[in-house]
């Protein structure tokens, strides 16, 4: 069998190198498009929930309502987390 020419080896190597760089770049672009879509959906949901005057943006009172809901949700998560930790400590003592 004949050995491949150095030019052929160089072309194949270059092609392989380019492919290894292009595929991750394309996949990253797909991920960023999906992330942008999810972000737009979240923003639309926030507007639907908090935009009381339906002007397409949140004013100060609407932002305050959103912030209050976030703080309430955080307090609930923290309370559940504390409850689980206390239960785990109680179980460990038994």
Foldseek 3Di string as FASTA:
>chain_A
DDDDDPVVVVVVVVVVVVVVVVVVVVVVVVVVVVVVVVVVVVLVVLCVPQVPVPPSDDDPVSVVVVVVVVVVVVVVVVVVVVVVVVVVVVVVVD
